[in-house]
Full PDB file with SEQRES, HELIX, SHEET, SSBOND, CRYST1, ORIGX, SCALE, CONECT and MASTER records, all heavy atoms in Angstrom:
SEQRES   1 A   38  VAL ASP ALA ALA ASN LEU SER SER ARG SER LEU ILE SER          
SEQRES   2 A   38  VAL LYS TRP LEU ALA ARG ILE ALA ILE VAL PHE PRO ILE          
SEQRES   3 A   38  LEU PHE LEU LEU THR LEU PHE LEU LEU PHE SER LYS              
HELIX    1 AA1 SER A    8  PHE A   36  1                                  29    
CRYST1    1.000    1.000    1.000  90.00  90.00  90.00 P 1           1          
ORIGX1      1.000000  0.000000  0.000000        0.00000                         
ORIGX2      0.000000  1.000000  0.000000        0.00000                         
ORIGX3      0.000000  0.000000  1.000000        0.00000                         
SCALE1      1.000000  0.000000  0.000000        0.00000                         
SCALE2      0.000000  1.000000  0.000000        0.00000                         
SCALE3      0.000000  0.000000  1.000000        0.00000                         
ATOM      1  N   VAL A   1     206.982  67.653  81.692  1.00  0.00           N  
ATOM      2  CA  VAL A   1     206.981  68.733  80.602  1.00  0.00           C  
ATOM      3  C   VAL A   1     207.696  70.002  81.088  1.00  0.00           C  
ATOM      4  O   VAL A   1     208.256  70.680  80.218  1.00  0.00           O  
ATOM      5  CB  VAL A   1     205.575  69.004  80.123  1.00  0.00           C  
ATOM      6  CG1 VAL A   1     204.765  69.856  81.161  1.00  0.00           C  
ATOM      7  CG2 VAL A   1     205.552  69.639  78.775  1.00  0.00           C  
ATOM      8  N   ASP A   2     207.740  70.316  82.295  1.00  0.00           N  
ATOM      9  CA  ASP A   2     208.484  71.463  82.730  1.00  0.00           C  
ATOM     10  C   ASP A   2     209.986  71.449  82.427  1.00  0.00           C  
ATOM     11  O   ASP A   2     210.566  72.461  82.183  1.00  0.00           O  
ATOM     12  CB  ASP A   2     208.284  71.628  84.302  1.00  0.00           C  
ATOM     13  CG  ASP A   2     206.910  72.144  84.552  1.00  0.00           C  
ATOM     14  OD1 ASP A   2     206.287  72.948  83.786  1.00  0.00           O  
ATOM     15  OD2 ASP A   2     206.384  71.812  85.718  1.00  0.00           O  
ATOM     16  N   ALA A   3     210.548  70.286  82.457  1.00  0.00           N  
ATOM     17  CA  ALA A   3     211.987  70.227  82.114  1.00  0.00           C  
ATOM     18  C   ALA A   3     212.279  69.766  80.713  1.00  0.00           C  
ATOM     19  O   ALA A   3     213.445  69.484  80.387  1.00  0.00           O  
ATOM     20  CB  ALA A   3     212.636  69.167  83.077  1.00  0.00           C  
ATOM     21  N   ALA A   4     211.235  69.773  79.820  1.00  0.00           N  
ATOM     22  CA  ALA A   4     211.422  69.317  78.493  1.00  0.00           C  
ATOM     23  C   ALA A   4     211.908  70.379  77.518  1.00  0.00           C  
ATOM     24  O   ALA A   4     212.010  70.081  76.344  1.00  0.00           O  
ATOM     25  CB  ALA A   4     210.071  68.784  77.964  1.00  0.00           C  
ATOM     26  N   ASN A   5     212.210  71.568  77.890  1.00  0.00           N  
ATOM     27  CA  ASN A   5     212.714  72.642  77.017  1.00  0.00           C  
ATOM     28  C   ASN A   5     211.865  72.917  75.900  1.00  0.00           C  
ATOM     29  O   ASN A   5     212.242  73.092  74.783  1.00  0.00           O  
ATOM     30  CB  ASN A   5     214.153  72.294  76.547  1.00  0.00           C  
ATOM     31  CG  ASN A   5     215.138  72.181  77.580  1.00  0.00           C  
ATOM     32  OD1 ASN A   5     215.032  72.875  78.648  1.00  0.00           O  
ATOM     33  ND2 ASN A   5     216.099  71.330  77.438  1.00  0.00           N  
ATOM     34  N   LEU A   6     210.554  73.103  76.168  1.00  0.00           N  
ATOM     35  CA  LEU A   6     209.645  73.579  75.170  1.00  0.00           C  
ATOM     36  C   LEU A   6     209.426  75.077  75.354  1.00  0.00           C  
ATOM     37  O   LEU A   6     209.661  75.679  76.361  1.00  0.00           O  
ATOM     38  CB  LEU A   6     208.283  72.844  75.376  1.00  0.00           C  
ATOM     39  CG  LEU A   6     208.191  71.320  75.238  1.00  0.00           C  
ATOM     40  CD1 LEU A   6     206.859  70.793  75.604  1.00  0.00           C  
ATOM     41  CD2 LEU A   6     208.623  70.942  73.846  1.00  0.00           C  
ATOM     42  N   SER A   7     208.931  75.624  74.208  1.00  0.00           N  
ATOM     43  CA  SER A   7     208.604  77.072  74.240  1.00  0.00           C  
ATOM     44  C   SER A   7     207.536  77.283  75.225  1.00  0.00           C  
ATOM     45  O   SER A   7     206.722  76.417  75.544  1.00  0.00           O  
ATOM     46  CB  SER A   7     208.320  77.656  72.892  1.00  0.00           C  
ATOM     47  OG  SER A   7     207.029  76.990  72.489  1.00  0.00           O  
ATOM     48  N   SER A   8     207.302  78.546  75.650  1.00  0.00           N  
ATOM     49  CA  SER A   8     206.352  78.792  76.727  1.00  0.00           C  
ATOM     50  C   SER A   8     204.943  78.601  76.127  1.00  0.00           C  
ATOM     51  O   SER A   8     204.046  78.036  76.849  1.00  0.00           O  
ATOM     52  CB  SER A   8     206.466  80.242  77.203  1.00  0.00           C  
ATOM     53  OG  SER A   8     206.204  81.120  76.096  1.00  0.00           O  
ATOM     54  N   ARG A   9     204.677  78.830  74.851  1.00  0.00           N  
ATOM     55  CA  ARG A   9     203.386  78.539  74.225  1.00  0.00           C  
ATOM     56  C   ARG A   9     203.100  77.013  74.167  1.00  0.00           C  
ATOM     57  O   ARG A   9     201.996  76.584  74.463  1.00  0.00           O  
ATOM     58  CB  ARG A   9     203.335  79.201  72.863  1.00  0.00           C  
ATOM     59  CG  ARG A   9     201.970  79.095  72.315  1.00  0.00           C  
ATOM     60  CD  ARG A   9     201.938  79.812  70.964  1.00  0.00           C  
ATOM     61  NE  ARG A   9     200.683  79.623  70.272  1.00  0.00           N  
ATOM     62  CZ  ARG A   9     200.008  80.444  69.566  1.00  0.00           C  
ATOM     63  NH1 ARG A   9     200.609  81.629  69.436  1.00  0.00           N  
ATOM     64  NH2 ARG A   9     198.888  80.204  69.064  1.00  0.00           N  
ATOM     65  N   SER A  10     204.108  76.331  73.791  1.00  0.00           N  
ATOM     66  CA  SER A  10     203.957  74.858  73.758  1.00  0.00           C  
ATOM     67  C   SER A  10     203.797  74.234  75.039  1.00  0.00           C  
ATOM     68  O   SER A  10     202.994  73.300  75.341  1.00  0.00           O  
ATOM     69  CB  SER A  10     205.150  74.215  73.093  1.00  0.00           C  
ATOM     70  OG  SER A  10     205.277  74.628  71.696  1.00  0.00           O  
ATOM     71  N   LEU A  11     204.483  74.766  76.066  1.00  0.00           N  
ATOM     72  CA  LEU A  11     204.455  74.352  77.383  1.00  0.00           C  
ATOM     73  C   LEU A  11     203.019  74.508  78.076  1.00  0.00           C  
ATOM     74  O   LEU A  11     202.462  73.603  78.612  1.00  0.00           O  
ATOM     75  CB  LEU A  11     205.425  75.128  78.322  1.00  0.00           C  
ATOM     76  CG  LEU A  11     205.558  74.651  79.800  1.00  0.00           C  
ATOM     77  CD1 LEU A  11     206.052  73.211  79.844  1.00  0.00           C  
ATOM     78  CD2 LEU A  11     206.417  75.612  80.554  1.00  0.00           C  
ATOM     79  N   ILE A  12     202.451  75.673  77.734  1.00  0.00           N  
ATOM     80  CA  ILE A  12     201.122  75.955  78.212  1.00  0.00           C  
ATOM     81  C   ILE A  12     200.093  74.920  77.468  1.00  0.00           C  
ATOM     82  O   ILE A  12     199.150  74.404  78.147  1.00  0.00           O  
ATOM     83  CB  ILE A  12     200.700  77.394  77.964  1.00  0.00           C  
ATOM     84  CG1 ILE A  12     201.491  78.243  78.931  1.00  0.00           C  
ATOM     85  CG2 ILE A  12     199.193  77.560  78.187  1.00  0.00           C  
ATOM     86  CD1 ILE A  12     201.399  79.766  78.549  1.00  0.00           C  
ATOM     87  N   SER A  13     200.253  74.748  76.197  1.00  0.00           N  
ATOM     88  CA  SER A  13     199.311  73.838  75.439  1.00  0.00           C  
ATOM     89  C   SER A  13     199.402  72.397  75.971  1.00  0.00           C  
ATOM     90  O   SER A  13     198.416  71.768  76.130  1.00  0.00           O  
ATOM     91  CB  SER A  13     199.613  73.863  73.982  1.00  0.00           C  
ATOM     92  OG  SER A  13     199.504  75.204  73.473  1.00  0.00           O  
ATOM     93  N   VAL A  14     200.622  71.942  76.129  1.00  0.00           N  
ATOM     94  CA  VAL A  14     200.842  70.593  76.585  1.00  0.00           C  
ATOM     95  C   VAL A  14     200.270  70.392  77.958  1.00  0.00           C  
ATOM     96  O   VAL A  14     199.634  69.329  78.313  1.00  0.00           O  
ATOM     97  CB  VAL A  14     202.378  70.187  76.591  1.00  0.00           C  
ATOM     98  CG1 VAL A  14     202.657  68.873  77.200  1.00  0.00           C  
ATOM     99  CG2 VAL A  14     202.782  70.144  75.088  1.00  0.00           C  
ATOM    100  N   LYS A  15     200.429  71.366  78.846  1.00  0.00           N  
ATOM    101  CA  LYS A  15     199.884  71.255  80.277  1.00  0.00           C  
ATOM    102  C   LYS A  15     198.342  71.190  80.156  1.00  0.00           C  
ATOM    103  O   LYS A  15     197.778  70.486  80.920  1.00  0.00           O  
ATOM    104  CB  LYS A  15     200.356  72.427  81.119  1.00  0.00           C  
ATOM    105  CG  LYS A  15     201.713  72.310  81.585  1.00  0.00           C  
ATOM    106  CD  LYS A  15     202.094  73.424  82.567  1.00  0.00           C  
ATOM    107  CE  LYS A  15     203.419  73.189  83.185  1.00  0.00           C  
ATOM    108  NZ  LYS A  15     203.714  74.255  84.142  1.00  0.00           N  
ATOM    109  N   TRP A  16     197.749  71.974  79.275  1.00  0.00           N  
ATOM    110  CA  TRP A  16     196.275  71.882  79.118  1.00  0.00           C  
ATOM    111  C   TRP A  16     195.792  70.534  78.599  1.00  0.00           C  
ATOM    112  O   TRP A  16     194.854  70.016  79.026  1.00  0.00           O  
ATOM    113  CB  TRP A  16     195.696  73.066  78.276  1.00  0.00           C  
ATOM    114  CG  TRP A  16     195.488  74.181  79.175  1.00  0.00           C  
ATOM    115  CD1 TRP A  16     196.169  75.410  79.160  1.00  0.00           C  
ATOM    116  CD2 TRP A  16     194.465  74.388  80.059  1.00  0.00           C  
ATOM    117  NE1 TRP A  16     195.611  76.313  80.079  1.00  0.00           N  
ATOM    118  CE2 TRP A  16     194.564  75.704  80.668  1.00  0.00           C  
ATOM    119  CE3 TRP A  16     193.409  73.585  80.609  1.00  0.00           C  
ATOM    120  CZ2 TRP A  16     193.740  76.160  81.723  1.00  0.00           C  
ATOM    121  CZ3 TRP A  16     192.535  74.050  81.515  1.00  0.00           C  
ATOM    122  CH2 TRP A  16     192.684  75.300  82.088  1.00  0.00           C  
ATOM    123  N   LEU A  17     196.604  70.060  77.601  1.00  0.00           N  
ATOM    124  CA  LEU A  17     196.250  68.710  77.118  1.00  0.00           C  
ATOM    125  C   LEU A  17     196.385  67.656  78.182  1.00  0.00           C  
ATOM    126  O   LEU A  17     195.587  66.732  78.202  1.00  0.00           O  
ATOM    127  CB  LEU A  17     197.157  68.389  75.871  1.00  0.00           C  
ATOM    128  CG  LEU A  17     196.634  68.929  74.560  1.00  0.00           C  
ATOM    129  CD1 LEU A  17     197.774  68.636  73.528  1.00  0.00           C  
ATOM    130  CD2 LEU A  17     195.314  68.285  74.155  1.00  0.00           C  
ATOM    131  N   ALA A  18     197.430  67.745  79.057  1.00  0.00           N  
ATOM    132  CA  ALA A  18     197.574  66.839  80.047  1.00  0.00           C  
ATOM    133  C   ALA A  18     196.445  66.833  81.076  1.00  0.00           C  
ATOM    134  O   ALA A  18     196.033  65.748  81.553  1.00  0.00           O  
ATOM    135  CB  ALA A  18     199.030  67.083  80.792  1.00  0.00           C  
ATOM    136  N   ARG A  19     196.051  67.988  81.408  1.00  0.00           N  
ATOM    137  CA  ARG A  19     194.899  68.116  82.372  1.00  0.00           C  
ATOM    138  C   ARG A  19     193.588  67.554  81.718  1.00  0.00           C  
ATOM    139  O   ARG A  19     192.855  66.894  82.452  1.00  0.00           O  
ATOM    140  CB  ARG A  19     194.664  69.649  82.698  1.00  0.00           C  
ATOM    141  CG  ARG A  19     195.778  70.172  83.526  1.00  0.00           C  
ATOM    142  CD  ARG A  19     195.641  71.654  83.772  1.00  0.00           C  
ATOM    143  NE  ARG A  19     196.786  72.312  84.359  1.00  0.00           N  
ATOM    144  CZ  ARG A  19     197.441  73.301  84.022  1.00  0.00           C  
ATOM    145  NH1 ARG A  19     196.932  74.027  82.963  1.00  0.00           N  
ATOM    146  NH2 ARG A  19     198.432  73.784  84.644  1.00  0.00           N  
ATOM    147  N   ILE A  20     193.492  67.793  80.484  1.00  0.00           N  
ATOM    148  CA  ILE A  20     192.292  67.210  79.787  1.00  0.00           C  
ATOM    149  C   ILE A  20     192.333  65.663  79.778  1.00  0.00           C  
ATOM    150  O   ILE A  20     191.407  64.961  79.910  1.00  0.00           O  
ATOM    151  CB  ILE A  20     192.056  67.839  78.383  1.00  0.00           C  
ATOM    152  CG1 ILE A  20     191.724  69.265  78.504  1.00  0.00           C  
ATOM    153  CG2 ILE A  20     191.060  67.001  77.560  1.00  0.00           C  
ATOM    154  CD1 ILE A  20     191.758  70.053  77.139  1.00  0.00           C  
ATOM    155  N   ALA A  21     193.565  65.170  79.481  1.00  0.00           N  
ATOM    156  CA  ALA A  21     193.758  63.736  79.466  1.00  0.00           C  
ATOM    157  C   ALA A  21     193.509  63.054  80.852  1.00  0.00           C  
ATOM    158  O   ALA A  21     193.077  61.945  80.947  1.00  0.00           O  
ATOM    159  CB  ALA A  21     195.181  63.371  79.031  1.00  0.00           C  
ATOM    160  N   ILE A  22     193.668  63.866  81.896  1.00  0.00           N  
ATOM    161  CA  ILE A  22     193.480  63.311  83.307  1.00  0.00           C  
ATOM    162  C   ILE A  22     191.921  63.123  83.529  1.00  0.00           C  
ATOM    163  O   ILE A  22     191.470  62.120  84.012  1.00  0.00           O  
ATOM    164  CB  ILE A  22     194.060  64.203  84.311  1.00  0.00           C  
ATOM    165  CG1 ILE A  22     195.629  64.098  84.197  1.00  0.00           C  
ATOM    166  CG2 ILE A  22     193.575  63.761  85.692  1.00  0.00           C  
ATOM    167  CD1 ILE A  22     196.273  65.126  85.079  1.00  0.00           C  
ATOM    168  N   VAL A  23     191.128  64.137  83.120  1.00  0.00           N  
ATOM    169  CA  VAL A  23     189.684  64.095  83.469  1.00  0.00           C  
ATOM    170  C   VAL A  23     188.789  63.622  82.391  1.00  0.00           C  
ATOM    171  O   VAL A  23     187.697  63.137  82.636  1.00  0.00           O  
ATOM    172  CB  VAL A  23     189.187  65.556  83.861  1.00  0.00           C  
ATOM    173  CG1 VAL A  23     190.022  65.942  85.180  1.00  0.00           C  
ATOM    174  CG2 VAL A  23     189.345  66.546  82.838  1.00  0.00           C  
ATOM    175  N   PHE A  24     189.297  63.611  81.071  1.00  0.00           N  
ATOM    176  CA  PHE A  24     188.376  63.334  80.040  1.00  0.00           C  
ATOM    177  C   PHE A  24     187.826  61.904  80.020  1.00  0.00           C  
ATOM    178  O   PHE A  24     186.628  61.722  79.867  1.00  0.00           O  
ATOM    179  CB  PHE A  24     188.999  63.578  78.636  1.00  0.00           C  
ATOM    180  CG  PHE A  24     188.161  63.271  77.446  1.00  0.00           C  
ATOM    181  CD1 PHE A  24     187.153  64.101  77.123  1.00  0.00           C  
ATOM    182  CD2 PHE A  24     188.314  62.065  76.696  1.00  0.00           C  
ATOM    183  CE1 PHE A  24     186.302  63.868  76.061  1.00  0.00           C  
ATOM    184  CE2 PHE A  24     187.540  61.781  75.690  1.00  0.00           C  
ATOM    185  CZ  PHE A  24     186.506  62.696  75.318  1.00  0.00           C  
ATOM    186  N   PRO A  25     188.584  60.881  80.181  1.00  0.00           N  
ATOM    187  CA  PRO A  25     188.015  59.523  80.143  1.00  0.00           C  
ATOM    188  C   PRO A  25     186.899  59.246  81.098  1.00  0.00           C  
ATOM    189  O   PRO A  25     185.824  58.688  80.797  1.00  0.00           O  
ATOM    190  CB  PRO A  25     189.199  58.567  80.400  1.00  0.00           C  
ATOM    191  CG  PRO A  25     190.413  59.371  80.153  1.00  0.00           C  
ATOM    192  CD  PRO A  25     190.010  60.758  80.427  1.00  0.00           C  
ATOM    193  N   ILE A  26     187.079  59.662  82.360  1.00  0.00           N  
ATOM    194  CA  ILE A  26     186.006  59.445  83.378  1.00  0.00           C  
ATOM    195  C   ILE A  26     184.755  60.297  83.148  1.00  0.00           C  
ATOM    196  O   ILE A  26     183.681  59.804  83.212  1.00  0.00           O  
ATOM    197  CB  ILE A  26     186.558  59.647  84.795  1.00  0.00           C  
ATOM    198  CG1 ILE A  26     185.575  59.082  85.814  1.00  0.00           C  
ATOM    199  CG2 ILE A  26     186.872  61.076  85.071  1.00  0.00           C  
ATOM    200  CD1 ILE A  26     185.400  57.608  85.858  1.00  0.00           C  
ATOM    201  N   LEU A  27     185.019  61.578  82.679  1.00  0.00           N  
ATOM    202  CA  LEU A  27     183.792  62.413  82.349  1.00  0.00           C  
ATOM    203  C   LEU A  27     183.103  61.825  81.044  1.00  0.00           C  
ATOM    204  O   LEU A  27     181.954  61.914  81.072  1.00  0.00           O  
ATOM    205  CB  LEU A  27     184.222  63.833  82.114  1.00  0.00           C  
ATOM    206  CG  LEU A  27     184.764  64.651  83.403  1.00  0.00           C  
ATOM    207  CD1 LEU A  27     185.191  65.970  82.984  1.00  0.00           C  
ATOM    208  CD2 LEU A  27     183.641  64.636  84.449  1.00  0.00           C  
ATOM    209  N   PHE A  28     183.833  61.368  80.149  1.00  0.00           N  
ATOM    210  CA  PHE A  28     183.176  60.868  78.959  1.00  0.00           C  
ATOM    211  C   PHE A  28     182.333  59.589  79.319  1.00  0.00           C  
ATOM    212  O   PHE A  28     181.205  59.503  78.867  1.00  0.00           O  
ATOM    213  CB  PHE A  28     184.285  60.448  77.981  1.00  0.00           C  
ATOM    214  CG  PHE A  28     183.747  60.008  76.555  1.00  0.00           C  
ATOM    215  CD1 PHE A  28     183.330  60.962  75.661  1.00  0.00           C  
ATOM    216  CD2 PHE A  28     183.741  58.741  76.209  1.00  0.00           C  
ATOM    217  CE1 PHE A  28     182.758  60.544  74.433  1.00  0.00           C  
ATOM    218  CE2 PHE A  28     183.206  58.274  75.032  1.00  0.00           C  
ATOM    219  CZ  PHE A  28     182.749  59.218  74.160  1.00  0.00           C  
ATOM    220  N   LEU A  29     182.878  58.627  80.096  1.00  0.00           N  
ATOM    221  CA  LEU A  29     182.187  57.500  80.470  1.00  0.00           C  
ATOM    222  C   LEU A  29     180.922  57.869  81.400  1.00  0.00           C  
ATOM    223  O   LEU A  29     179.933  57.275  81.190  1.00  0.00           O  
ATOM    224  CB  LEU A  29     183.126  56.543  81.159  1.00  0.00           C  
ATOM    225  CG  LEU A  29     184.069  55.759  80.319  1.00  0.00           C  
ATOM    226  CD1 LEU A  29     184.902  54.868  81.116  1.00  0.00           C  
ATOM    227  CD2 LEU A  29     183.281  55.002  79.212  1.00  0.00           C  
ATOM    228  N   LEU A  30     181.122  58.790  82.286  1.00  0.00           N  
ATOM    229  CA  LEU A  30     180.006  59.175  83.060  1.00  0.00           C  
ATOM    230  C   LEU A  30     178.817  59.764  82.228  1.00  0.00           C  
ATOM    231  O   LEU A  30     177.650  59.461  82.494  1.00  0.00           O  
ATOM    232  CB  LEU A  30     180.433  60.138  84.155  1.00  0.00           C  
ATOM    233  CG  LEU A  30     181.173  59.601  85.312  1.00  0.00           C  
ATOM    234  CD1 LEU A  30     181.687  60.740  86.201  1.00  0.00           C  
ATOM    235  CD2 LEU A  30     180.371  58.590  86.097  1.00  0.00           C  
ATOM    236  N   THR A  31     179.261  60.631  81.209  1.00  0.00           N  
ATOM    237  CA  THR A  31     178.203  61.166  80.375  1.00  0.00           C  
ATOM    238  C   THR A  31     177.559  60.039  79.612  1.00  0.00           C  
ATOM    239  O   THR A  31     176.288  60.101  79.418  1.00  0.00           O  
ATOM    240  CB  THR A  31     178.935  62.109  79.390  1.00  0.00           C  
ATOM    241  OG1 THR A  31     179.606  63.140  80.113  1.00  0.00           O  
ATOM    242  CG2 THR A  31     177.894  62.741  78.439  1.00  0.00           C  
ATOM    243  N   LEU A  32     178.306  59.064  79.079  1.00  0.00           N  
ATOM    244  CA  LEU A  32     177.633  57.983  78.328  1.00  0.00           C  
ATOM    245  C   LEU A  32     176.735  57.137  79.235  1.00  0.00           C  
ATOM    246  O   LEU A  32     175.615  56.767  78.920  1.00  0.00           O  
ATOM    247  CB  LEU A  32     178.703  57.022  77.746  1.00  0.00           C  
ATOM    248  CG  LEU A  32     179.529  57.527  76.613  1.00  0.00           C  
ATOM    249  CD1 LEU A  32     180.549  56.460  76.111  1.00  0.00           C  
ATOM    250  CD2 LEU A  32     178.514  57.913  75.392  1.00  0.00           C  
ATOM    251  N   PHE A  33     177.178  56.900  80.495  1.00  0.00           N  
ATOM    252  CA  PHE A  33     176.262  56.137  81.387  1.00  0.00           C  
ATOM    253  C   PHE A  33     175.004  56.921  81.763  1.00  0.00           C  
ATOM    254  O   PHE A  33     173.948  56.312  81.883  1.00  0.00           O  
ATOM    255  CB  PHE A  33     177.099  55.764  82.658  1.00  0.00           C  
ATOM    256  CG  PHE A  33     178.111  54.756  82.421  1.00  0.00           C  
ATOM    257  CD1 PHE A  33     179.273  54.778  83.155  1.00  0.00           C  
ATOM    258  CD2 PHE A  33     178.039  53.761  81.427  1.00  0.00           C  
ATOM    259  CE1 PHE A  33     180.304  53.853  82.919  1.00  0.00           C  
ATOM    260  CE2 PHE A  33     178.958  52.805  81.237  1.00  0.00           C  
ATOM    261  CZ  PHE A  33     180.154  52.873  81.967  1.00  0.00           C  
ATOM    262  N   LEU A  34     175.103  58.228  81.856  1.00  0.00           N  
ATOM    263  CA  LEU A  34     173.973  59.035  82.239  1.00  0.00           C  
ATOM    264  C   LEU A  34     173.044  59.079  81.023  1.00  0.00           C  
ATOM    265  O   LEU A  34     171.817  59.121  81.212  1.00  0.00           O  
ATOM    266  CB  LEU A  34     174.353  60.381  82.689  1.00  0.00           C  
ATOM    267  CG  LEU A  34     175.015  60.535  84.018  1.00  0.00           C  
ATOM    268  CD1 LEU A  34     175.484  61.931  84.298  1.00  0.00           C  
ATOM    269  CD2 LEU A  34     174.037  60.142  85.070  1.00  0.00           C  
ATOM    270  N   LEU A  35     173.599  59.192  79.815  1.00  0.00           N  
ATOM    271  CA  LEU A  35     172.713  59.230  78.589  1.00  0.00           C  
ATOM    272  C   LEU A  35     171.979  57.990  78.318  1.00  0.00           C  
ATOM    273  O   LEU A  35     170.829  58.009  77.909  1.00  0.00           O  
ATOM    274  CB  LEU A  35     173.581  59.770  77.390  1.00  0.00           C  
ATOM    275  CG  LEU A  35     174.016  61.201  77.360  1.00  0.00           C  
ATOM    276  CD1 LEU A  35     174.886  61.383  76.290  1.00  0.00           C  
ATOM    277  CD2 LEU A  35     172.875  62.092  77.369  1.00  0.00           C  
ATOM    278  N   PHE A  36     172.700  56.866  78.456  1.00  0.00           N  
ATOM    279  CA  PHE A  36     172.245  55.571  78.000  1.00  0.00           C  
ATOM    280  C   PHE A  36     171.744  54.638  79.094  1.00  0.00           C  
ATOM    281  O   PHE A  36     171.420  53.474  78.776  1.00  0.00           O  
ATOM    282  CB  PHE A  36     173.178  54.940  77.078  1.00  0.00           C  
ATOM    283  CG  PHE A  36     173.586  55.750  75.874  1.00  0.00           C  
ATOM    284  CD1 PHE A  36     174.753  56.280  75.686  1.00  0.00           C  
ATOM    285  CD2 PHE A  36     172.577  55.898  74.913  1.00  0.00           C  
ATOM    286  CE1 PHE A  36     175.038  57.005  74.568  1.00  0.00           C  
ATOM    287  CE2 PHE A  36     172.922  56.621  73.750  1.00  0.00           C  
ATOM    288  CZ  PHE A  36     174.147  57.188  73.627  1.00  0.00           C  
ATOM    289  N   SER A  37     171.786  55.023  80.296  1.00  0.00           N  
ATOM    290  CA  SER A  37     171.307  54.088  81.368  1.00  0.00           C  
ATOM    291  C   SER A  37     169.836  54.245  81.650  1.00  0.00           C  
ATOM    292  O   SER A  37     169.462  55.248  82.300  1.00  0.00           O  
ATOM    293  CB  SER A  37     172.160  54.268  82.678  1.00  0.00           C  
ATOM    294  OG  SER A  37     171.934  55.537  83.175  1.00  0.00           O  
ATOM    295  N   LYS A  38     168.992  53.388  81.079  1.00  0.00           N  
ATOM    296  CA  LYS A  38     167.595  53.481  81.391  1.00  0.00           C  
ATOM    297  C   LYS A  38     167.109  52.130  81.781  1.00  0.00           C  
ATOM    298  O   LYS A  38     167.407  51.129  81.415  1.00  0.00           O  
ATOM    299  CB  LYS A  38     166.852  53.993  80.078  1.00  0.00           C  
ATOM    300  CG  LYS A  38     167.125  55.415  79.804  1.00  0.00           C  
ATOM    301  CD  LYS A  38     166.250  55.792  78.601  1.00  0.00           C  
ATOM    302  CE  LYS A  38     166.533  57.255  78.307  1.00  0.00           C  
ATOM    303  NZ  LYS A  38     165.686  57.802  77.255  1.00  0.00           N  
TER     304      LYS A  38                                                      
MASTER        0    0    0    1    0    0    0    6  303    1    0    3          
END                                                                             
């Protein structure tokens, strides 16, 4: 994304979405396992 020629606002938004995409699946599954593992 740094070399994609996006505006600075879009660049910041895309970087945050990318960071969320990295951690979200594992955190979501861990939350489900903690809620429903009995």
